[in-house]
Every structure is written in structure tokens, then in C-alpha cells.
């Protein structure tokens, strides 16, 4: 991206990776795994199902990033858990997308 303003690469990376990953992992996968929560009245059972779904999706998200390095996979799994918690707590995929975009942009800045 030679000749582009310095803000373009982090903005491109932040948007390019964050939005599709959040839609797939927190939107589709986490949503499908936690669907049974909607019909569960027990608060404890909902927490167990959501936690299990969050753990599974975070591990899968980390494994997808294993091609870079083991450290990257572990970091991706942990940040994936944070994005999942954000999505669950706010009941909004947009909040997770924005958190992911900010993290990706921060990687470029630091």
C-alpha cells in the first residue's frame, strides 16, 4: 500500500478482518450454539450454556489463527472470548465488531 496515508493500512486491516470474523464467530457460531438459551428459564442453565458456547467458539477462533503462530492463536482465543463476552453482555454484534476493529487498529499503532 505504498503511497497511501498512514491511517489507511490499519483502517483496512481493522475493517477487513474484524467485521467478517465477528459475523461468523460471534454472530453465527455463538448464536447457533447458544440458541437453546432462549427457551431456558433457569438462569443457571443459561449461564452454563452461554459459557460453554463461548468457550467452544473462542477455542475454534484461536485455532483458525494458529497458522500465524501459537502465541497468535492463544491471543486470538483470549480476545475472541472478550469479543464474545461483549456480544453477550450487550446483546449486540456491533459492539463486538467495534471492539475487534479497535484492537486490530491498535496492533498497527503499537
PDB file of N, CA and C in Angstrom:
ATOM      1  N   UNK A   1       0.834  -1.185   0.000  1.00  0.00           N
ATOM      2  CA  UNK A   1       0.000   0.000   0.000  1.00  0.00           C
ATOM      3  C   UNK A   1       0.880   1.249   0.000  1.00  0.00           C
ATOM      4  N   UNK A   2       1.874   1.215  -0.827  1.00  0.00           N
ATOM      5  CA  UNK A   2       2.797   2.347  -0.914  1.00  0.00           C
ATOM      6  C   UNK A   2       2.072   3.590  -1.406  1.00  0.00           C
ATOM      7  N   UNK A   3       2.415   4.713  -0.826  1.00  0.00           N
ATOM      8  CA  UNK A   3       1.838   5.981  -1.242  1.00  0.00           C
ATOM      9  C   UNK A   3       0.503   6.313  -0.608  1.00  0.00           C
ATOM     10  N   UNK A   4       0.001   5.447   0.261  1.00  0.00           N
ATOM     11  CA  UNK A   4      -1.276   5.735   0.914  1.00  0.00           C
ATOM     12  C   UNK A   4      -1.019   6.453   2.232  1.00  0.00           C
ATOM     13  N   UNK A   5      -1.997   7.206   2.709  1.00  0.00           N
ATOM     14  CA  UNK A   5      -1.843   7.860   4.019  1.00  0.00           C
ATOM     15  C   UNK A   5      -1.604   6.803   5.103  1.00  0.00           C
ATOM     16  N   UNK A   6      -0.911   7.159   6.178  1.00  0.00           N
ATOM     17  CA  UNK A   6      -0.557   6.174   7.205  1.00  0.00           C
ATOM     18  C   UNK A   6      -1.749   5.541   7.922  1.00  0.00           C
ATOM     19  N   UNK A   7      -2.892   6.175   7.887  1.00  0.00           N
ATOM     20  CA  UNK A   7      -4.054   5.616   8.576  1.00  0.00           C
ATOM     21  C   UNK A   7      -4.770   4.554   7.749  1.00  0.00           C
ATOM     22  N   UNK A   8      -4.470   4.452   6.452  1.00  0.00           N
ATOM     23  CA  UNK A   8      -5.193   3.518   5.584  1.00  0.00           C
ATOM     24  C   UNK A   8      -4.912   2.049   5.926  1.00  0.00           C
ATOM     25  N   UNK A   9      -3.636   1.613   6.076  1.00  0.00           N
ATOM     26  CA  UNK A   9      -3.426   0.196   6.391  1.00  0.00           C
ATOM     27  C   UNK A   9      -4.106  -0.276   7.675  1.00  0.00           C
ATOM     28  N   UNK A  10      -3.994   0.466   8.810  1.00  0.00           N
ATOM     29  CA  UNK A  10      -4.700  -0.029   9.995  1.00  0.00           C
ATOM     30  C   UNK A  10      -6.217  -0.017   9.826  1.00  0.00           C
ATOM     31  N   UNK A  11      -6.741   0.983   9.141  1.00  0.00           N
ATOM     32  CA  UNK A  11      -8.189   1.035   8.924  1.00  0.00           C
ATOM     33  C   UNK A  11      -8.644  -0.136   8.058  1.00  0.00           C
ATOM     34  N   UNK A  12      -7.894  -0.421   7.018  1.00  0.00           N
ATOM     35  CA  UNK A  12      -8.226  -1.541   6.129  1.00  0.00           C
ATOM     36  C   UNK A  12      -8.171  -2.861   6.892  1.00  0.00           C
ATOM     37  N   UNK A  13      -7.083  -3.066   7.647  1.00  0.00           N
ATOM     38  CA  UNK A  13      -6.925  -4.300   8.412  1.00  0.00           C
ATOM     39  C   UNK A  13      -8.014  -4.435   9.462  1.00  0.00           C
ATOM     40  N   UNK A  14      -8.321  -3.349  10.136  1.00  0.00           N
ATOM     41  CA  UNK A  14      -9.336  -3.384  11.193  1.00  0.00           C
ATOM     42  C   UNK A  14     -10.692  -3.782  10.633  1.00  0.00           C
ATOM     43  N   UNK A  15     -11.072  -3.201   9.523  1.00  0.00           N
ATOM     44  CA  UNK A  15     -12.386  -3.475   8.931  1.00  0.00           C
ATOM     45  C   UNK A  15     -12.394  -4.809   8.204  1.00  0.00           C
ATOM     46  N   UNK A  16     -11.343  -5.070   7.448  1.00  0.00           N
ATOM     47  CA  UNK A  16     -11.276  -6.280   6.626  1.00  0.00           C
ATOM     48  C   UNK A  16     -11.385  -7.547   7.465  1.00  0.00           C
ATOM     49  N   UNK A  17     -10.668  -7.617   8.559  1.00  0.00           N
ATOM     50  CA  UNK A  17     -10.669  -8.829   9.376  1.00  0.00           C
ATOM     51  C   UNK A  17     -11.797  -8.840  10.406  1.00  0.00           C
ATOM     52  N   UNK A  18     -12.041  -7.734  11.037  1.00  0.00           N
ATOM     53  CA  UNK A  18     -12.950  -7.702  12.185  1.00  0.00           C
ATOM     54  C   UNK A  18     -14.402  -8.010  11.829  1.00  0.00           C
ATOM     55  N   UNK A  19     -14.955  -7.321  10.883  1.00  0.00           N
ATOM     56  CA  UNK A  19     -16.388  -7.482  10.596  1.00  0.00           C
ATOM     57  C   UNK A  19     -16.739  -8.906  10.165  1.00  0.00           C
ATOM     58  N   UNK A  20     -16.056  -9.477   9.159  1.00  0.00           N
ATOM     59  CA  UNK A  20     -16.416 -10.846   8.767  1.00  0.00           C
ATOM     60  C   UNK A  20     -16.184 -11.873   9.880  1.00  0.00           C
ATOM     61  N   UNK A  21     -15.085 -11.725  10.628  1.00  0.00           N
ATOM     62  CA  UNK A  21     -14.818 -12.676  11.706  1.00  0.00           C
ATOM     63  C   UNK A  21     -15.885 -12.605  12.789  1.00  0.00           C
ATOM     64  N   UNK A  22     -16.302 -11.421  13.148  1.00  0.00           N
ATOM     65  CA  UNK A  22     -17.329 -11.287  14.179  1.00  0.00           C
ATOM     66  C   UNK A  22     -18.673 -11.827  13.697  1.00  0.00           C
ATOM     67  N   UNK A  23     -18.989 -11.582  12.446  1.00  0.00           N
ATOM     68  CA  UNK A  23     -20.255 -12.105  11.905  1.00  0.00           C
ATOM     69  C   UNK A  23     -20.246 -13.631  11.939  1.00  0.00           C
ATOM     70  N   UNK A  24     -19.120 -14.237  11.544  1.00  0.00           N
ATOM     71  CA  UNK A  24     -19.036 -15.701  11.507  1.00  0.00           C
ATOM     72  C   UNK A  24     -18.972 -16.293  12.911  1.00  0.00           C
ATOM     73  N   UNK A  25     -18.041 -15.828  13.732  1.00  0.00           N
ATOM     74  CA  UNK A  25     -17.796 -16.482  15.017  1.00  0.00           C
ATOM     75  C   UNK A  25     -18.759 -16.059  16.113  1.00  0.00           C
ATOM     76  N   UNK A  26     -18.953 -14.789  16.326  1.00  0.00           N
ATOM     77  CA  UNK A  26     -19.855 -14.357  17.388  1.00  0.00           C
ATOM     78  C   UNK A  26     -21.299 -14.291  16.905  1.00  0.00           C
ATOM     79  N   UNK A  27     -21.518 -13.956  15.641  1.00  0.00           N
ATOM     80  CA  UNK A  27     -22.880 -13.869  15.131  1.00  0.00           C
ATOM     81  C   UNK A  27     -23.483 -15.229  14.852  1.00  0.00           C
ATOM     82  N   UNK A  28     -22.831 -16.005  13.980  1.00  0.00           N
ATOM     83  CA  UNK A  28     -23.393 -17.291  13.563  1.00  0.00           C
ATOM     84  C   UNK A  28     -23.071 -18.396  14.561  1.00  0.00           C
ATOM     85  N   UNK A  29     -21.781 -18.673  14.780  1.00  0.00           N
ATOM     86  CA  UNK A  29     -21.406 -19.807  15.633  1.00  0.00           C
ATOM     87  C   UNK A  29     -21.885 -19.653  17.070  1.00  0.00           C
ATOM     88  N   UNK A  30     -21.586 -18.536  17.693  1.00  0.00           N
ATOM     89  CA  UNK A  30     -22.012 -18.330  19.069  1.00  0.00           C
ATOM     90  C   UNK A  30     -23.536 -18.290  19.151  1.00  0.00           C
ATOM     91  N   UNK A  31     -24.147 -17.676  18.165  1.00  0.00           N
ATOM     92  CA  UNK A  31     -25.607 -17.606  18.135  1.00  0.00           C
ATOM     93  C   UNK A  31     -26.253 -18.972  18.019  1.00  0.00           C
ATOM     94  N   UNK A  32     -25.724 -19.817  17.148  1.00  0.00           N
ATOM     95  CA  UNK A  32     -26.277 -21.164  16.960  1.00  0.00           C
ATOM     96  C   UNK A  32     -26.062 -22.018  18.206  1.00  0.00           C
ATOM     97  N   UNK A  33     -24.852 -21.956  18.767  1.00  0.00           N
ATOM     98  CA  UNK A  33     -24.566 -22.765  19.953  1.00  0.00           C
ATOM     99  C   UNK A  33     -25.382 -22.341  21.165  1.00  0.00           C
ATOM    100  N   UNK A  34     -25.690 -21.077  21.253  1.00  0.00           N
ATOM    101  CA  UNK A  34     -26.428 -20.567  22.417  1.00  0.00           C
ATOM    102  C   UNK A  34     -27.930 -20.440  22.167  1.00  0.00           C
ATOM    103  N   UNK A  35     -28.426 -20.952  21.051  1.00  0.00           N
ATOM    104  CA  UNK A  35     -29.861 -20.837  20.747  1.00  0.00           C
ATOM    105  C   UNK A  35     -30.739 -21.470  21.818  1.00  0.00           C
ATOM    106  N   UNK A  36     -30.282 -22.543  22.415  1.00  0.00           N
ATOM    107  CA  UNK A  36     -31.095 -23.209  23.430  1.00  0.00           C
ATOM    108  C   UNK A  36     -31.302 -22.336  24.661  1.00  0.00           C
ATOM    109  N   UNK A  37     -30.489 -21.306  24.818  1.00  0.00           N
ATOM    110  CA  UNK A  37     -30.624 -20.397  25.957  1.00  0.00           C
ATOM    111  C   UNK A  37     -31.951 -19.658  25.902  1.00  0.00           C
ATOM    112  N   UNK A  38     -32.422 -19.364  24.708  1.00  0.00           N
ATOM    113  CA  UNK A  38     -33.643 -18.576  24.547  1.00  0.00           C
ATOM    114  C   UNK A  38     -34.848 -19.262  25.195  1.00  0.00           C
ATOM    115  N   UNK A  39     -34.870 -20.585  25.205  1.00  0.00           N
ATOM    116  CA  UNK A  39     -36.023 -21.295  25.756  1.00  0.00           C
ATOM    117  C   UNK A  39     -35.799 -21.754  27.191  1.00  0.00           C
ATOM    118  N   UNK A  40     -34.613 -21.540  27.719  1.00  0.00           N
ATOM    119  CA  UNK A  40     -34.294 -21.972  29.077  1.00  0.00           C
ATOM    120  C   UNK A  40     -34.678 -20.895  30.081  1.00  0.00           C
ATOM    121  N   UNK A  41     -35.467 -21.272  31.055  1.00  0.00           N
ATOM    122  CA  UNK A  41     -35.892 -20.297  32.056  1.00  0.00           C
ATOM    123  C   UNK A  41     -34.924 -20.208  33.224  1.00  0.00           C
ATOM    124  N   UNK A  42     -34.178 -21.259  33.443  1.00  0.00           N
ATOM    125  CA  UNK A  42     -33.240 -21.290  34.561  1.00  0.00           C
ATOM    126  C   UNK A  42     -32.042 -20.389  34.258  1.00  0.00           C
ATOM    127  N   UNK A  43     -31.810 -19.450  35.134  1.00  0.00           N
ATOM    128  CA  UNK A  43     -30.685 -18.519  34.954  1.00  0.00           C
ATOM    129  C   UNK A  43     -29.356 -19.265  34.983  1.00  0.00           C
ATOM    130  N   UNK A  44     -29.247 -20.255  35.858  1.00  0.00           N
ATOM    131  CA  UNK A  44     -28.040 -21.054  35.972  1.00  0.00           C
ATOM    132  C   UNK A  44     -27.784 -21.842  34.682  1.00  0.00           C
ATOM    133  N   UNK A  45     -28.822 -22.459  34.144  1.00  0.00           N
ATOM    134  CA  UNK A  45     -28.681 -23.231  32.911  1.00  0.00           C
ATOM    135  C   UNK A  45     -28.287 -22.331  31.741  1.00  0.00           C
ATOM    136  N   UNK A  46     -28.857 -21.139  31.676  1.00  0.00           N
ATOM    137  CA  UNK A  46     -28.489 -20.187  30.619  1.00  0.00           C
ATOM    138  C   UNK A  46     -27.019 -19.825  30.713  1.00  0.00           C
ATOM    139  N   UNK A  47     -26.546 -19.583  31.929  1.00  0.00           N
ATOM    140  CA  UNK A  47     -25.147 -19.220  32.134  1.00  0.00           C
ATOM    141  C   UNK A  47     -24.217 -20.355  31.716  1.00  0.00           C
ATOM    142  N   UNK A  48     -24.586 -21.588  32.029  1.00  0.00           N
ATOM    143  CA  UNK A  48     -23.762 -22.745  31.664  1.00  0.00           C
ATOM    144  C   UNK A  48     -23.708 -22.901  30.149  1.00  0.00           C
ATOM    145  N   UNK A  49     -24.853 -22.793  29.480  1.00  0.00           N
ATOM    146  CA  UNK A  49     -24.902 -22.953  28.024  1.00  0.00           C
ATOM    147  C   UNK A  49     -24.134 -21.827  27.334  1.00  0.00           C
ATOM    148  N   UNK A  50     -24.341 -20.597  27.775  1.00  0.00           N
ATOM    149  CA  UNK A  50     -23.618 -19.468  27.181  1.00  0.00           C
ATOM    150  C   UNK A  50     -22.111 -19.592  27.402  1.00  0.00           C
ATOM    151  N   UNK A  51     -21.709 -20.005  28.598  1.00  0.00           N
ATOM    152  CA  UNK A  51     -20.281 -20.164  28.890  1.00  0.00           C
ATOM    153  C   UNK A  51     -19.660 -21.263  28.041  1.00  0.00           C
ATOM    154  N   UNK A  52     -20.363 -22.374  27.908  1.00  0.00           N
ATOM    155  CA  UNK A  52     -19.871 -23.471  27.078  1.00  0.00           C
ATOM    156  C   UNK A  52     -19.753 -23.064  25.624  1.00  0.00           C
ATOM    157  N   UNK A  53     -20.764 -22.366  25.125  1.00  0.00           N
ATOM    158  CA  UNK A  53     -20.735 -21.887  23.736  1.00  0.00           C
ATOM    159  C   UNK A  53     -19.597 -20.902  23.533  1.00  0.00           C
ATOM    160  N   UNK A  54     -19.410 -20.015  24.491  1.00  0.00           N
ATOM    161  CA  UNK A  54     -18.331 -19.030  24.416  1.00  0.00           C
ATOM    162  C   UNK A  54     -16.971 -19.713  24.404  1.00  0.00           C
ATOM    163  N   UNK A  55     -16.791 -20.718  25.231  1.00  0.00           N
ATOM    164  CA  UNK A  55     -15.528 -21.459  25.277  1.00  0.00           C
ATOM    165  C   UNK A  55     -15.248 -22.166  23.948  1.00  0.00           C
ATOM    166  N   UNK A  56     -16.239 -22.854  23.421  1.00  0.00           N
ATOM    167  CA  UNK A  56     -16.067 -23.573  22.151  1.00  0.00           C
ATOM    168  C   UNK A  56     -15.718 -22.619  21.018  1.00  0.00           C
ATOM    169  N   UNK A  57     -16.462 -21.535  20.896  1.00  0.00           N
ATOM    170  CA  UNK A  57     -16.219 -20.574  19.818  1.00  0.00           C
ATOM    171  C   UNK A  57     -14.852 -19.912  19.972  1.00  0.00           C
ATOM    172  N   UNK A  58     -14.451 -19.615  21.193  1.00  0.00           N
ATOM    173  CA  UNK A  58     -13.145 -18.991  21.427  1.00  0.00           C
ATOM    174  C   UNK A  58     -12.002 -19.930  21.052  1.00  0.00           C
ATOM    175  N   UNK A  59     -12.135 -21.202  21.375  1.00  0.00           N
ATOM    176  CA  UNK A  59     -11.105 -22.183  21.007  1.00  0.00           C
ATOM    177  C   UNK A  59     -11.024 -22.322  19.488  1.00  0.00           C
ATOM    178  N   UNK A  60     -12.162 -22.407  18.832  1.00  0.00           N
ATOM    179  CA  UNK A  60     -12.175 -22.502  17.365  1.00  0.00           C
ATOM    180  C   UNK A  60     -11.556 -21.248  16.749  1.00  0.00           C
ATOM    181  N   UNK A  61     -11.900 -20.084  17.272  1.00  0.00           N
ATOM    182  CA  UNK A  61     -11.353 -18.822  16.779  1.00  0.00           C
ATOM    183  C   UNK A  61      -9.832 -18.800  16.942  1.00  0.00           C
ATOM    184  N   UNK A  62      -9.342 -19.289  18.064  1.00  0.00           N
ATOM    185  CA  UNK A  62      -7.902 -19.365  18.283  1.00  0.00           C
ATOM    186  C   UNK A  62      -7.240 -20.325  17.311  1.00  0.00           C
ATOM    187  N   UNK A  63      -7.855 -21.477  17.080  1.00  0.00           N
ATOM    188  CA  UNK A  63      -7.284 -22.467  16.164  1.00  0.00           C
ATOM    189  C   UNK A  63      -7.198 -21.949  14.734  1.00  0.00           C
ATOM    190  N   UNK A  64      -8.150 -21.141  14.342  1.00  0.00           N
ATOM    191  CA  UNK A  64      -8.128 -20.565  12.991  1.00  0.00           C
ATOM    192  C   UNK A  64      -6.917 -19.651  12.820  1.00  0.00           C
ATOM    193  N   UNK A  65      -6.466 -19.043  13.901  1.00  0.00           N
ATOM    194  CA  UNK A  65      -5.325 -18.136  13.848  1.00  0.00           C
ATOM    195  C   UNK A  65      -3.997 -18.849  14.121  1.00  0.00           C
ATOM    196  N   UNK A  66      -4.020 -20.166  14.208  1.00  0.00           N
ATOM    197  CA  UNK A  66      -2.820 -20.946  14.500  1.00  0.00           C
ATOM    198  C   UNK A  66      -1.802 -20.898  13.368  1.00  0.00           C
ATOM    199  N   UNK A  67      -2.229 -20.605  12.161  1.00  0.00           N
ATOM    200  CA  UNK A  67      -1.295 -20.571  11.025  1.00  0.00           C
ATOM    201  C   UNK A  67      -0.245 -19.471  11.167  1.00  0.00           C
ATOM    202  N   UNK A  68      -0.506 -18.457  11.957  1.00  0.00           N
ATOM    203  CA  UNK A  68       0.479 -17.398  12.187  1.00  0.00           C
ATOM    204  C   UNK A  68       1.513 -17.857  13.191  1.00  0.00           C
ATOM    205  N   UNK A  69       1.057 -18.244  14.388  1.00  0.00           N
ATOM    206  CA  UNK A  69       1.943 -18.757  15.439  1.00  0.00           C
ATOM    207  C   UNK A  69       1.076 -19.241  16.599  1.00  0.00           C
ATOM    208  N   UNK A  70       1.698 -19.998  17.498  1.00  0.00           N
ATOM    209  CA  UNK A  70       0.980 -20.472  18.677  1.00  0.00           C
ATOM    210  C   UNK A  70       0.578 -19.298  19.567  1.00  0.00           C
ATOM    211  N   UNK A  71       1.486 -18.338  19.720  1.00  0.00           N
ATOM    212  CA  UNK A  71       1.172 -17.155  20.519  1.00  0.00           C
ATOM    213  C   UNK A  71      -0.016 -16.397  19.932  1.00  0.00           C
ATOM    214  N   UNK A  72      -0.053 -16.267  18.623  1.00  0.00           N
ATOM    215  CA  UNK A  72      -1.170 -15.584  17.969  1.00  0.00           C
ATOM    216  C   UNK A  72      -2.481 -16.347  18.191  1.00  0.00           C
ATOM    217  N   UNK A  73      -2.416 -17.673  18.152  1.00  0.00           N
ATOM    218  CA  UNK A  73      -3.619 -18.475  18.363  1.00  0.00           C
ATOM    219  C   UNK A  73      -4.150 -18.302  19.786  1.00  0.00           C
ATOM    220  N   UNK A  74      -3.248 -18.312  20.756  1.00  0.00           N
ATOM    221  CA  UNK A  74      -3.657 -18.135  22.156  1.00  0.00           C
ATOM    222  C   UNK A  74      -4.242 -16.737  22.360  1.00  0.00           C
ATOM    223  N   UNK A  75      -3.557 -15.740  21.811  1.00  0.00           N
ATOM    224  CA  UNK A  75      -4.046 -14.360  21.924  1.00  0.00           C
ATOM    225  C   UNK A  75      -5.404 -14.210  21.246  1.00  0.00           C
ATOM    226  N   UNK A  76      -5.551 -14.792  20.064  1.00  0.00           N
ATOM    227  CA  UNK A  76      -6.821 -14.707  19.339  1.00  0.00           C
ATOM    228  C   UNK A  76      -7.931 -15.403  20.123  1.00  0.00           C
ATOM    229  N   UNK A  77      -7.630 -16.546  20.720  1.00  0.00           N
ATOM    230  CA  UNK A  77      -8.637 -17.237  21.523  1.00  0.00           C
ATOM    231  C   UNK A  77      -9.082 -16.408  22.710  1.00  0.00           C
ATOM    232  N   UNK A  78      -8.113 -15.772  23.372  1.00  0.00           N
ATOM    233  CA  UNK A  78      -8.453 -14.941  24.536  1.00  0.00           C
ATOM    234  C   UNK A  78      -9.225 -13.686  24.136  1.00  0.00           C
ATOM    235  N   UNK A  79      -8.770 -13.011  23.083  1.00  0.00           N
ATOM    236  CA  UNK A  79      -9.517 -11.823  22.651  1.00  0.00           C
ATOM    237  C   UNK A  79     -10.869 -12.224  22.079  1.00  0.00           C
ATOM    238  N   UNK A  80     -10.937 -13.396  21.451  1.00  0.00           N
ATOM    239  CA  UNK A  80     -12.221 -13.902  20.964  1.00  0.00           C
ATOM    240  C   UNK A  80     -13.207 -14.094  22.102  1.00  0.00           C
ATOM    241  N   UNK A  81     -12.708 -14.563  23.246  1.00  0.00           N
ATOM    242  CA  UNK A  81     -13.568 -14.705  24.419  1.00  0.00           C
ATOM    243  C   UNK A  81     -14.077 -13.336  24.884  1.00  0.00           C
ATOM    244  N   UNK A  82     -13.191 -12.347  24.835  1.00  0.00           N
ATOM    245  CA  UNK A  82     -13.600 -10.982  25.220  1.00  0.00           C
ATOM    246  C   UNK A  82     -14.667 -10.461  24.267  1.00  0.00           C
ATOM    247  N   UNK A  83     -14.471 -10.660  22.962  1.00  0.00           N
ATOM    248  CA  UNK A  83     -15.480 -10.208  21.990  1.00  0.00           C
ATOM    249  C   UNK A  83     -16.805 -10.926  22.211  1.00  0.00           C
ATOM    250  N   UNK A  84     -16.731 -12.209  22.567  1.00  0.00           N
ATOM    251  CA  UNK A  84     -17.949 -12.962  22.853  1.00  0.00           C
ATOM    252  C   UNK A  84     -18.659 -12.434  24.086  1.00  0.00           C
ATOM    253  N   UNK A  85     -17.890 -12.118  25.116  1.00  0.00           N
ATOM    254  CA  UNK A  85     -18.478 -11.552  26.337  1.00  0.00           C
ATOM    255  C   UNK A  85     -19.131 -10.211  26.032  1.00  0.00           C
ATOM    256  N   UNK A  86     -18.462  -9.407  25.216  1.00  0.00           N
ATOM    257  CA  UNK A  86     -19.030  -8.107  24.814  1.00  0.00           C
ATOM    258  C   UNK A  86     -20.343  -8.326  24.065  1.00  0.00           C
ATOM    259  N   UNK A  87     -20.351  -9.280  23.124  1.00  0.00           N
ATOM    260  CA  UNK A  87     -21.566  -9.549  22.346  1.00  0.00           C
ATOM    261  C   UNK A  87     -22.702 -10.044  23.235  1.00  0.00           C
ATOM    262  N   UNK A  88     -22.383 -10.936  24.167  1.00  0.00           N
ATOM    263  CA  UNK A  88     -23.407 -11.473  25.072  1.00  0.00           C
ATOM    264  C   UNK A  88     -23.910 -10.395  26.030  1.00  0.00           C
ATOM    265  N   UNK A  89     -22.983  -9.638  26.611  1.00  0.00           N
ATOM    266  CA  UNK A  89     -23.362  -8.624  27.603  1.00  0.00           C
ATOM    267  C   UNK A  89     -24.211  -7.517  26.992  1.00  0.00           C
ATOM    268  N   UNK A  90     -23.868  -7.116  25.770  1.00  0.00           N
ATOM    269  CA  UNK A  90     -24.604  -6.017  25.143  1.00  0.00           C
ATOM    270  C   UNK A  90     -25.756  -6.503  24.267  1.00  0.00           C
ATOM    271  N   UNK A  91     -25.779  -7.815  24.011  1.00  0.00           N
ATOM    272  CA  UNK A  91     -26.757  -8.399  23.075  1.00  0.00           C
ATOM    273  C   UNK A  91     -26.680  -7.695  21.718  1.00  0.00           C
ATOM    274  N   UNK A  92     -25.440  -7.349  21.336  1.00  0.00           N
ATOM    275  CA  UNK A  92     -25.212  -6.628  20.088  1.00  0.00           C
ATOM    276  C   UNK A  92     -23.937  -7.117  19.423  1.00  0.00           C
ATOM    277  N   UNK A  93     -24.046  -7.524  18.187  1.00  0.00           N
ATOM    278  CA  UNK A  93     -22.876  -7.914  17.415  1.00  0.00           C
ATOM    279  C   UNK A  93     -22.046  -6.693  17.051  1.00  0.00           C
ATOM    280  N   UNK A  94     -22.695  -5.544  16.935  1.00  0.00           N
ATOM    281  CA  UNK A  94     -21.970  -4.311  16.593  1.00  0.00           C
ATOM    282  C   UNK A  94     -20.920  -3.956  17.636  1.00  0.00           C
ATOM    283  N   UNK A  95     -21.240  -4.163  18.895  1.00  0.00           N
ATOM    284  CA  UNK A  95     -20.277  -3.859  19.958  1.00  0.00           C
ATOM    285  C   UNK A  95     -19.030  -4.730  19.828  1.00  0.00           C
ATOM    286  N   UNK A  96     -19.226  -6.015  19.505  1.00  0.00           N
ATOM    287  CA  UNK A  96     -18.092  -6.921  19.309  1.00  0.00           C
ATOM    288  C   UNK A  96     -17.291  -6.536  18.069  1.00  0.00           C
ATOM    289  N   UNK A  97     -17.974  -6.141  17.008  1.00  0.00           N
ATOM    290  CA  UNK A  97     -17.276  -5.720  15.775  1.00  0.00           C
ATOM    291  C   UNK A  97     -16.428  -4.487  16.058  1.00  0.00           C
ATOM    292  N   UNK A  98     -16.972  -3.524  16.760  1.00  0.00           N
ATOM    293  CA  UNK A  98     -16.226  -2.296  17.066  1.00  0.00           C
ATOM    294  C   UNK A  98     -15.033  -2.600  17.973  1.00  0.00           C
ATOM    295  N   UNK A  99     -15.226  -3.457  18.983  1.00  0.00           N
ATOM    296  CA  UNK A  99     -14.115  -3.834  19.869  1.00  0.00           C
ATOM    297  C   UNK A  99     -13.008  -4.519  19.072  1.00  0.00           C
ATOM    298  N   UNK A 100     -13.383  -5.408  18.165  1.00  0.00           N
ATOM    299  CA  UNK A 100     -12.416  -6.120  17.329  1.00  0.00           C
ATOM    300  C   UNK A 100     -11.694  -5.152  16.395  1.00  0.00           C
ATOM    301  N   UNK A 101     -12.418  -4.227  15.808  1.00  0.00           N
ATOM    302  CA  UNK A 101     -11.800  -3.227  14.922  1.00  0.00           C
ATOM    303  C   UNK A 101     -10.785  -2.371  15.689  1.00  0.00           C
ATOM    304  N   UNK A 102     -11.163  -1.929  16.876  1.00  0.00           N
ATOM    305  CA  UNK A 102     -10.255  -1.102  17.675  1.00  0.00           C
ATOM    306  C   UNK A 102      -8.997  -1.875  18.061  1.00  0.00           C
ATOM    307  N   UNK A 103      -9.151  -3.142  18.425  1.00  0.00           N
ATOM    308  CA  UNK A 103      -7.995  -3.963  18.777  1.00  0.00           C
ATOM    309  C   UNK A 103      -7.070  -4.142  17.570  1.00  0.00           C
ATOM    310  N   UNK A 104      -7.646  -4.455  16.412  1.00  0.00           N
ATOM    311  CA  UNK A 104      -6.826  -4.630  15.208  1.00  0.00           C
ATOM    312  C   UNK A 104      -6.108  -3.337  14.834  1.00  0.00           C
ATOM    313  N   UNK A 105      -6.777  -2.210  14.951  1.00  0.00           N
ATOM    314  CA  UNK A 105      -6.141  -0.925  14.645  1.00  0.00           C
ATOM    315  C   UNK A 105      -5.031  -0.644  15.649  1.00  0.00           C
ATOM    316  N   UNK A 106      -5.250  -0.994  16.906  1.00  0.00           N
ATOM    317  CA  UNK A 106      -4.246  -0.782  17.942  1.00  0.00           C
ATOM    318  C   UNK A 106      -2.973  -1.594  17.670  1.00  0.00           C
ATOM    319  N   UNK A 107      -3.129  -2.778  17.122  1.00  0.00           N
ATOM    320  CA  UNK A 107      -1.976  -3.607  16.770  1.00  0.00           C
ATOM    321  C   UNK A 107      -1.079  -2.881  15.793  1.00  0.00           C
ATOM    322  N   UNK A 108      -1.680  -2.174  14.835  1.00  0.00           N
ATOM    323  CA  UNK A 108      -0.897  -1.420  13.850  1.00  0.00           C
ATOM    324  C   UNK A 108      -0.207  -0.225  14.482  1.00  0.00           C
ATOM    325  N   UNK A 109      -0.881   0.430  15.398  1.00  0.00           N
ATOM    326  CA  UNK A 109      -0.343   1.649  16.011  1.00  0.00           C
ATOM    327  C   UNK A 109       0.822   1.311  16.929  1.00  0.00           C
ATOM    328  N   UNK A 110       0.682   0.232  17.686  1.00  0.00           N
ATOM    329  CA  UNK A 110       1.727  -0.170  18.635  1.00  0.00           C
ATOM    330  C   UNK A 110       2.761  -0.918  17.883  1.00  0.00           C
TER     331      UNK A 110
END
